[in-house]
Amino acid sequence: MGFDGPHGGNPRGVTTTSQEELFRFLEDRFACAQACTECARACATRAGLVDPDGTENQELVRRKGIMCAEVCDATCRVLSEENQADEATIRMQVEWCRQVCLESARTFDGHPGAEGTAEACRACARACTDFLATLN
């Protein structure tokens, strides 16, 4: 039968629509993982620039940066694992990442020089939202 069979080269039961959904799922998953990596890098850098013995606001920025970097890094790892986590676990991790990124962005908004980090957090939250939409 090969690629000239009645299913157009697709395994039995796989339609063009489901292929498009699969491609979208994979693209959104990759985009989310990539945004998580970029956000983790930006947050770790921001946290490293803050004086650990600084003001209470600086300490908050440092802690949010560290937490966001760790959550984004963990989310990227979950998204990068081939079929190691079930959908519920992935959904929970990505939603947690989205929430932490939004909280972190709000914290960074009030800190001079952290505008780029806030935008990286918002970009990651958007990518997480887009990926969660493919799971529905």
N, C-alpha and C. Protein backbone atom coordinates (compact mmCIF):
# COMPACT_ATOMS: atom_id res chain seq x y z
N MET A 1 0.80 -1.17 0.00
CA MET A 1 0.00 0.00 0.00
C MET A 1 0.86 1.26 0.00
N GLY A 2 1.78 1.45 0.92
CA GLY A 2 2.71 2.57 0.93
C GLY A 2 2.03 3.92 1.01
N PHE A 3 2.65 4.92 0.40
CA PHE A 3 2.14 6.28 0.45
C PHE A 3 1.08 6.54 -0.61
N ASP A 4 0.82 5.58 -1.47
CA ASP A 4 -0.16 5.76 -2.53
C ASP A 4 -1.51 5.15 -2.16
N GLY A 5 -1.65 4.68 -0.94
CA GLY A 5 -2.87 4.01 -0.52
C GLY A 5 -4.02 4.99 -0.33
N PRO A 6 -5.16 4.47 0.06
CA PRO A 6 -6.37 5.28 0.17
C PRO A 6 -6.31 6.35 1.26
N HIS A 7 -5.35 6.29 2.16
CA HIS A 7 -5.26 7.26 3.26
C HIS A 7 -4.21 8.34 2.98
N GLY A 8 -3.70 8.42 1.76
CA GLY A 8 -2.75 9.46 1.41
C GLY A 8 -1.42 9.36 2.13
N GLY A 9 -1.00 8.19 2.53
CA GLY A 9 0.28 8.03 3.21
C GLY A 9 0.17 8.13 4.72
N ASN A 10 -1.01 8.43 5.24
CA ASN A 10 -1.21 8.52 6.68
C ASN A 10 -1.55 7.16 7.23
N PRO A 11 -1.18 6.89 8.46
CA PRO A 11 -1.65 5.65 9.08
C PRO A 11 -3.17 5.66 9.14
N ARG A 12 -3.75 4.48 9.15
CA ARG A 12 -5.21 4.36 9.19
C ARG A 12 -5.74 5.16 10.38
N GLY A 13 -6.74 6.00 10.15
CA GLY A 13 -7.37 6.79 11.21
C GLY A 13 -6.77 8.18 11.39
N VAL A 14 -5.64 8.47 10.75
CA VAL A 14 -5.03 9.79 10.88
C VAL A 14 -5.44 10.61 9.66
N THR A 15 -6.18 11.66 9.91
CA THR A 15 -6.66 12.51 8.83
C THR A 15 -5.79 13.75 8.70
N THR A 16 -6.00 14.49 7.63
CA THR A 16 -5.27 15.74 7.44
C THR A 16 -5.55 16.68 8.60
N THR A 17 -6.82 16.74 9.03
CA THR A 17 -7.18 17.62 10.15
C THR A 17 -6.41 17.23 11.40
N SER A 18 -6.36 15.94 11.70
CA SER A 18 -5.64 15.53 12.91
C SER A 18 -4.15 15.76 12.76
N GLN A 19 -3.62 15.68 11.54
CA GLN A 19 -2.21 16.01 11.32
C GLN A 19 -1.98 17.48 11.59
N GLU A 20 -2.89 18.34 11.12
CA GLU A 20 -2.76 19.77 11.37
C GLU A 20 -2.82 20.07 12.86
N GLU A 21 -3.72 19.40 13.56
CA GLU A 21 -3.82 19.58 15.01
C GLU A 21 -2.54 19.12 15.70
N LEU A 22 -1.98 18.01 15.24
CA LEU A 22 -0.74 17.51 15.81
C LEU A 22 0.40 18.49 15.57
N PHE A 23 0.50 19.01 14.36
CA PHE A 23 1.55 20.00 14.06
C PHE A 23 1.39 21.24 14.92
N ARG A 24 0.15 21.71 15.06
CA ARG A 24 -0.09 22.89 15.90
C ARG A 24 0.30 22.60 17.34
N PHE A 25 -0.10 21.43 17.83
CA PHE A 25 0.25 21.02 19.19
C PHE A 25 1.77 21.04 19.37
N LEU A 26 2.49 20.42 18.45
CA LEU A 26 3.95 20.36 18.56
C LEU A 26 4.58 21.74 18.44
N GLU A 27 4.07 22.56 17.52
CA GLU A 27 4.61 23.92 17.37
C GLU A 27 4.37 24.75 18.63
N ASP A 28 3.17 24.68 19.18
CA ASP A 28 2.85 25.43 20.40
C ASP A 28 3.65 24.91 21.59
N ARG A 29 3.84 23.61 21.64
CA ARG A 29 4.63 23.02 22.73
C ARG A 29 6.07 23.51 22.64
N PHE A 30 6.64 23.51 21.44
CA PHE A 30 8.01 23.99 21.25
C PHE A 30 8.11 25.48 21.56
N ALA A 31 7.14 26.27 21.08
CA ALA A 31 7.14 27.72 21.34
C ALA A 31 7.06 28.00 22.84
N CYS A 32 6.26 27.24 23.54
CA CYS A 32 6.13 27.40 24.98
C CYS A 32 7.45 27.05 25.68
N ALA A 33 8.05 25.94 25.29
CA ALA A 33 9.33 25.54 25.88
C ALA A 33 10.40 26.58 25.61
N GLN A 34 10.42 27.12 24.40
CA GLN A 34 11.41 28.13 24.05
C GLN A 34 11.18 29.42 24.85
N ALA A 35 9.92 29.83 24.99
CA ALA A 35 9.60 31.03 25.78
C ALA A 35 9.98 30.82 27.25
N CYS A 36 9.77 29.60 27.75
CA CYS A 36 10.15 29.29 29.13
C CYS A 36 11.66 29.42 29.31
N THR A 37 12.41 28.93 28.35
CA THR A 37 13.87 29.02 28.42
C THR A 37 14.33 30.48 28.43
N GLU A 38 13.75 31.28 27.54
CA GLU A 38 14.12 32.69 27.47
C GLU A 38 13.73 33.43 28.74
N CYS A 39 12.57 33.12 29.28
CA CYS A 39 12.12 33.75 30.51
C CYS A 39 13.02 33.34 31.69
N ALA A 40 13.35 32.06 31.77
CA ALA A 40 14.22 31.58 32.85
C ALA A 40 15.56 32.31 32.81
N ARG A 41 16.11 32.47 31.62
CA ARG A 41 17.39 33.16 31.47
C ARG A 41 17.28 34.62 31.91
N ALA A 42 16.22 35.30 31.46
CA ALA A 42 16.02 36.71 31.82
C ALA A 42 15.82 36.87 33.32
N CYS A 43 15.03 35.99 33.93
CA CYS A 43 14.76 36.09 35.36
C CYS A 43 16.00 35.77 36.20
N ALA A 44 16.76 34.78 35.79
CA ALA A 44 17.98 34.45 36.51
C ALA A 44 18.97 35.62 36.44
N THR A 45 19.07 36.22 35.26
CA THR A 45 19.96 37.38 35.10
C THR A 45 19.49 38.52 35.98
N ARG A 46 18.19 38.80 35.95
CA ARG A 46 17.63 39.91 36.76
C ARG A 46 17.89 39.65 38.24
N ALA A 47 17.65 38.42 38.70
CA ALA A 47 17.87 38.09 40.11
C ALA A 47 19.34 38.27 40.48
N GLY A 48 20.23 37.93 39.56
CA GLY A 48 21.67 38.07 39.83
C GLY A 48 22.13 39.51 39.89
N LEU A 49 21.37 40.42 39.29
CA LEU A 49 21.74 41.83 39.29
C LEU A 49 21.29 42.57 40.55
N VAL A 50 20.41 41.95 41.32
CA VAL A 50 19.85 42.60 42.51
C VAL A 50 20.73 42.29 43.72
N ASP A 51 21.00 43.33 44.49
CA ASP A 51 21.80 43.19 45.71
C ASP A 51 21.03 42.35 46.73
N PRO A 52 21.58 41.22 47.16
CA PRO A 52 20.87 40.36 48.11
C PRO A 52 20.65 41.05 49.46
N ASP A 53 21.42 42.07 49.76
CA ASP A 53 21.25 42.80 51.01
C ASP A 53 20.57 44.14 50.78
N GLY A 54 19.84 44.25 49.67
CA GLY A 54 19.18 45.50 49.30
C GLY A 54 17.88 45.72 50.05
N THR A 55 17.10 46.62 49.51
CA THR A 55 15.82 46.97 50.13
C THR A 55 14.85 45.80 50.05
N GLU A 56 13.73 45.96 50.74
CA GLU A 56 12.70 44.92 50.72
C GLU A 56 12.18 44.71 49.30
N ASN A 57 12.02 45.79 48.53
CA ASN A 57 11.57 45.69 47.14
C ASN A 57 12.60 44.93 46.30
N GLN A 58 13.87 45.21 46.51
CA GLN A 58 14.91 44.49 45.76
C GLN A 58 14.92 43.01 46.11
N GLU A 59 14.70 42.70 47.38
CA GLU A 59 14.64 41.30 47.80
C GLU A 59 13.45 40.59 47.16
N LEU A 60 12.32 41.28 47.05
CA LEU A 60 11.15 40.70 46.39
C LEU A 60 11.46 40.42 44.92
N VAL A 61 12.09 41.36 44.25
CA VAL A 61 12.46 41.18 42.84
C VAL A 61 13.42 40.00 42.70
N ARG A 62 14.38 39.91 43.59
CA ARG A 62 15.35 38.80 43.54
C ARG A 62 14.64 37.46 43.74
N ARG A 63 13.78 37.36 44.75
CA ARG A 63 13.07 36.11 45.02
C ARG A 63 12.13 35.73 43.88
N LYS A 64 11.39 36.71 43.33
CA LYS A 64 10.50 36.43 42.20
C LYS A 64 11.30 35.98 40.98
N GLY A 65 12.46 36.60 40.77
CA GLY A 65 13.30 36.21 39.65
C GLY A 65 13.79 34.78 39.77
N ILE A 66 14.22 34.42 40.96
CA ILE A 66 14.71 33.05 41.19
C ILE A 66 13.57 32.05 41.02
N MET A 67 12.42 32.36 41.64
CA MET A 67 11.28 31.43 41.55
C MET A 67 10.82 31.28 40.11
N CYS A 68 10.69 32.38 39.39
CA CYS A 68 10.23 32.31 38.01
C CYS A 68 11.22 31.52 37.15
N ALA A 69 12.51 31.75 37.36
CA ALA A 69 13.52 31.01 36.60
C ALA A 69 13.41 29.52 36.86
N GLU A 70 13.20 29.13 38.11
CA GLU A 70 13.10 27.71 38.44
C GLU A 70 11.84 27.08 37.86
N VAL A 71 10.71 27.79 37.96
CA VAL A 71 9.45 27.25 37.43
C VAL A 71 9.52 27.14 35.90
N CYS A 72 10.07 28.16 35.25
CA CYS A 72 10.19 28.12 33.79
C CYS A 72 11.13 27.00 33.35
N ASP A 73 12.22 26.83 34.07
CA ASP A 73 13.16 25.76 33.73
C ASP A 73 12.49 24.39 33.89
N ALA A 74 11.75 24.20 34.97
CA ALA A 74 11.06 22.93 35.19
C ALA A 74 10.00 22.70 34.11
N THR A 75 9.30 23.75 33.72
CA THR A 75 8.27 23.63 32.69
C THR A 75 8.89 23.25 31.35
N CYS A 76 10.00 23.88 31.03
CA CYS A 76 10.70 23.53 29.79
C CYS A 76 11.09 22.06 29.79
N ARG A 77 11.58 21.57 30.92
CA ARG A 77 11.97 20.16 31.00
C ARG A 77 10.76 19.25 30.80
N VAL A 78 9.62 19.58 31.40
CA VAL A 78 8.41 18.77 31.23
C VAL A 78 7.98 18.77 29.77
N LEU A 79 8.02 19.94 29.13
CA LEU A 79 7.60 20.03 27.73
C LEU A 79 8.58 19.35 26.78
N SER A 80 9.81 19.21 27.19
CA SER A 80 10.83 18.62 26.33
C SER A 80 10.88 17.10 26.44
N GLU A 81 10.29 16.54 27.47
CA GLU A 81 10.30 15.10 27.65
C GLU A 81 9.31 14.46 26.69
N GLU A 82 9.76 13.48 25.96
CA GLU A 82 8.89 12.77 25.02
C GLU A 82 8.01 11.79 25.78
N ASN A 83 6.73 12.13 25.87
CA ASN A 83 5.73 11.24 26.46
C ASN A 83 6.05 10.75 27.87
N GLN A 84 6.81 11.52 28.62
CA GLN A 84 7.14 11.12 29.98
C GLN A 84 6.07 11.57 30.97
N ALA A 85 5.35 12.64 30.65
CA ALA A 85 4.33 13.15 31.55
C ALA A 85 2.96 13.05 30.89
N ASP A 86 1.96 12.77 31.70
CA ASP A 86 0.61 12.70 31.14
C ASP A 86 0.05 14.11 30.95
N GLU A 87 -1.07 14.20 30.25
CA GLU A 87 -1.63 15.50 29.91
C GLU A 87 -1.99 16.32 31.15
N ALA A 88 -2.51 15.68 32.18
CA ALA A 88 -2.89 16.41 33.39
C ALA A 88 -1.67 17.05 34.05
N THR A 89 -0.57 16.33 34.08
CA THR A 89 0.67 16.85 34.66
C THR A 89 1.20 18.02 33.84
N ILE A 90 1.18 17.86 32.53
CA ILE A 90 1.65 18.93 31.65
C ILE A 90 0.78 20.17 31.82
N ARG A 91 -0.52 19.97 31.82
CA ARG A 91 -1.46 21.09 31.97
C ARG A 91 -1.21 21.83 33.29
N MET A 92 -1.05 21.09 34.37
CA MET A 92 -0.83 21.69 35.68
C MET A 92 0.49 22.47 35.71
N GLN A 93 1.54 21.91 35.16
CA GLN A 93 2.85 22.57 35.15
C GLN A 93 2.81 23.85 34.31
N VAL A 94 2.19 23.78 33.14
CA VAL A 94 2.13 24.94 32.25
C VAL A 94 1.26 26.04 32.87
N GLU A 95 0.17 25.67 33.50
CA GLU A 95 -0.69 26.67 34.15
C GLU A 95 0.06 27.33 35.31
N TRP A 96 0.79 26.55 36.08
CA TRP A 96 1.59 27.10 37.17
C TRP A 96 2.62 28.09 36.62
N CYS A 97 3.28 27.71 35.57
CA CYS A 97 4.27 28.58 34.93
C CYS A 97 3.62 29.88 34.47
N ARG A 98 2.47 29.78 33.84
CA ARG A 98 1.75 30.96 33.37
C ARG A 98 1.46 31.93 34.51
N GLN A 99 0.97 31.38 35.62
CA GLN A 99 0.62 32.22 36.77
C GLN A 99 1.86 32.87 37.39
N VAL A 100 2.93 32.10 37.55
CA VAL A 100 4.16 32.64 38.13
C VAL A 100 4.75 33.72 37.23
N CYS A 101 4.70 33.51 35.93
CA CYS A 101 5.21 34.52 34.99
C CYS A 101 4.43 35.82 35.08
N LEU A 102 3.12 35.73 35.18
CA LEU A 102 2.30 36.94 35.29
C LEU A 102 2.57 37.68 36.59
N GLU A 103 2.68 36.94 37.69
CA GLU A 103 3.01 37.56 38.98
C GLU A 103 4.39 38.22 38.93
N SER A 104 5.33 37.53 38.34
CA SER A 104 6.69 38.05 38.25
C SER A 104 6.73 39.31 37.39
N ALA A 105 6.01 39.29 36.29
CA ALA A 105 5.98 40.47 35.41
C ALA A 105 5.46 41.68 36.17
N ARG A 106 4.41 41.49 36.96
CA ARG A 106 3.87 42.61 37.75
C ARG A 106 4.91 43.11 38.75
N THR A 107 5.66 42.21 39.34
CA THR A 107 6.70 42.61 40.29
C THR A 107 7.81 43.37 39.57
N PHE A 108 8.21 42.88 38.40
CA PHE A 108 9.29 43.53 37.65
C PHE A 108 8.88 44.89 37.11
N ASP A 109 7.58 45.07 36.86
CA ASP A 109 7.09 46.36 36.37
C ASP A 109 7.48 47.50 37.31
N GLY A 110 7.51 47.25 38.58
CA GLY A 110 7.82 48.29 39.54
C GLY A 110 9.30 48.46 39.84
N HIS A 111 10.14 47.77 39.10
CA HIS A 111 11.58 47.81 39.35
C HIS A 111 12.30 48.42 38.15
N PRO A 112 12.97 49.55 38.35
CA PRO A 112 13.67 50.20 37.23
C PRO A 112 14.69 49.26 36.57
N GLY A 113 14.66 49.24 35.25
CA GLY A 113 15.61 48.43 34.49
C GLY A 113 15.15 47.01 34.23
N ALA A 114 14.00 46.64 34.76
CA ALA A 114 13.53 45.26 34.61
C ALA A 114 12.43 45.12 33.57
N GLU A 115 12.28 46.13 32.72
CA GLU A 115 11.21 46.10 31.72
C GLU A 115 11.35 44.92 30.77
N GLY A 116 12.56 44.64 30.33
CA GLY A 116 12.79 43.52 29.41
C GLY A 116 12.46 42.18 30.06
N THR A 117 12.77 42.05 31.33
CA THR A 117 12.46 40.81 32.05
C THR A 117 10.95 40.66 32.20
N ALA A 118 10.26 41.76 32.49
CA ALA A 118 8.80 41.72 32.59
C ALA A 118 8.19 41.29 31.26
N GLU A 119 8.73 41.79 30.17
CA GLU A 119 8.20 41.41 28.85
C GLU A 119 8.49 39.93 28.54
N ALA A 120 9.65 39.43 28.94
CA ALA A 120 9.96 38.01 28.75
C ALA A 120 8.97 37.15 29.53
N CYS A 121 8.61 37.60 30.72
CA CYS A 121 7.63 36.87 31.53
C CYS A 121 6.26 36.88 30.86
N ARG A 122 5.86 38.03 30.33
CA ARG A 122 4.56 38.11 29.65
C ARG A 122 4.55 37.27 28.37
N ALA A 123 5.66 37.26 27.65
CA ALA A 123 5.75 36.44 26.43
C ALA A 123 5.63 34.97 26.79
N CYS A 124 6.23 34.57 27.88
CA CYS A 124 6.14 33.18 28.32
C CYS A 124 4.71 32.86 28.74
N ALA A 125 4.07 33.76 29.45
CA ALA A 125 2.67 33.54 29.86
C ALA A 125 1.77 33.40 28.63
N ARG A 126 2.01 34.22 27.60
CA ARG A 126 1.21 34.11 26.36
C ARG A 126 1.45 32.76 25.69
N ALA A 127 2.71 32.33 25.63
CA ALA A 127 3.03 31.04 25.01
C ALA A 127 2.38 29.90 25.81
N CYS A 128 2.37 30.02 27.12
CA CYS A 128 1.71 29.00 27.95
C CYS A 128 0.21 28.98 27.68
N THR A 129 -0.39 30.15 27.57
CA THR A 129 -1.83 30.25 27.28
C THR A 129 -2.13 29.62 25.92
N ASP A 130 -1.31 29.92 24.92
CA ASP A 130 -1.51 29.34 23.59
C ASP A 130 -1.38 27.82 23.62
N PHE A 131 -0.40 27.33 24.36
CA PHE A 131 -0.21 25.88 24.43
C PHE A 131 -1.38 25.23 25.16
N LEU A 132 -1.84 25.84 26.25
CA LEU A 132 -2.99 25.28 26.97
C LEU A 132 -4.22 25.20 26.08
N ALA A 133 -4.36 26.15 25.17
CA ALA A 133 -5.50 26.12 24.24
C ALA A 133 -5.46 24.90 23.33
N THR A 134 -4.27 24.42 23.00
CA THR A 134 -4.17 23.24 22.14
C THR A 134 -4.52 21.95 22.91
N LEU A 135 -4.48 22.03 24.22
CA LEU A 135 -4.84 20.85 25.03
C LEU A 135 -6.33 20.71 25.21
N ASN A 136 -7.08 21.76 24.92
CA ASN A 136 -8.54 21.71 25.10
C ASN A 136 -9.23 21.03 23.95
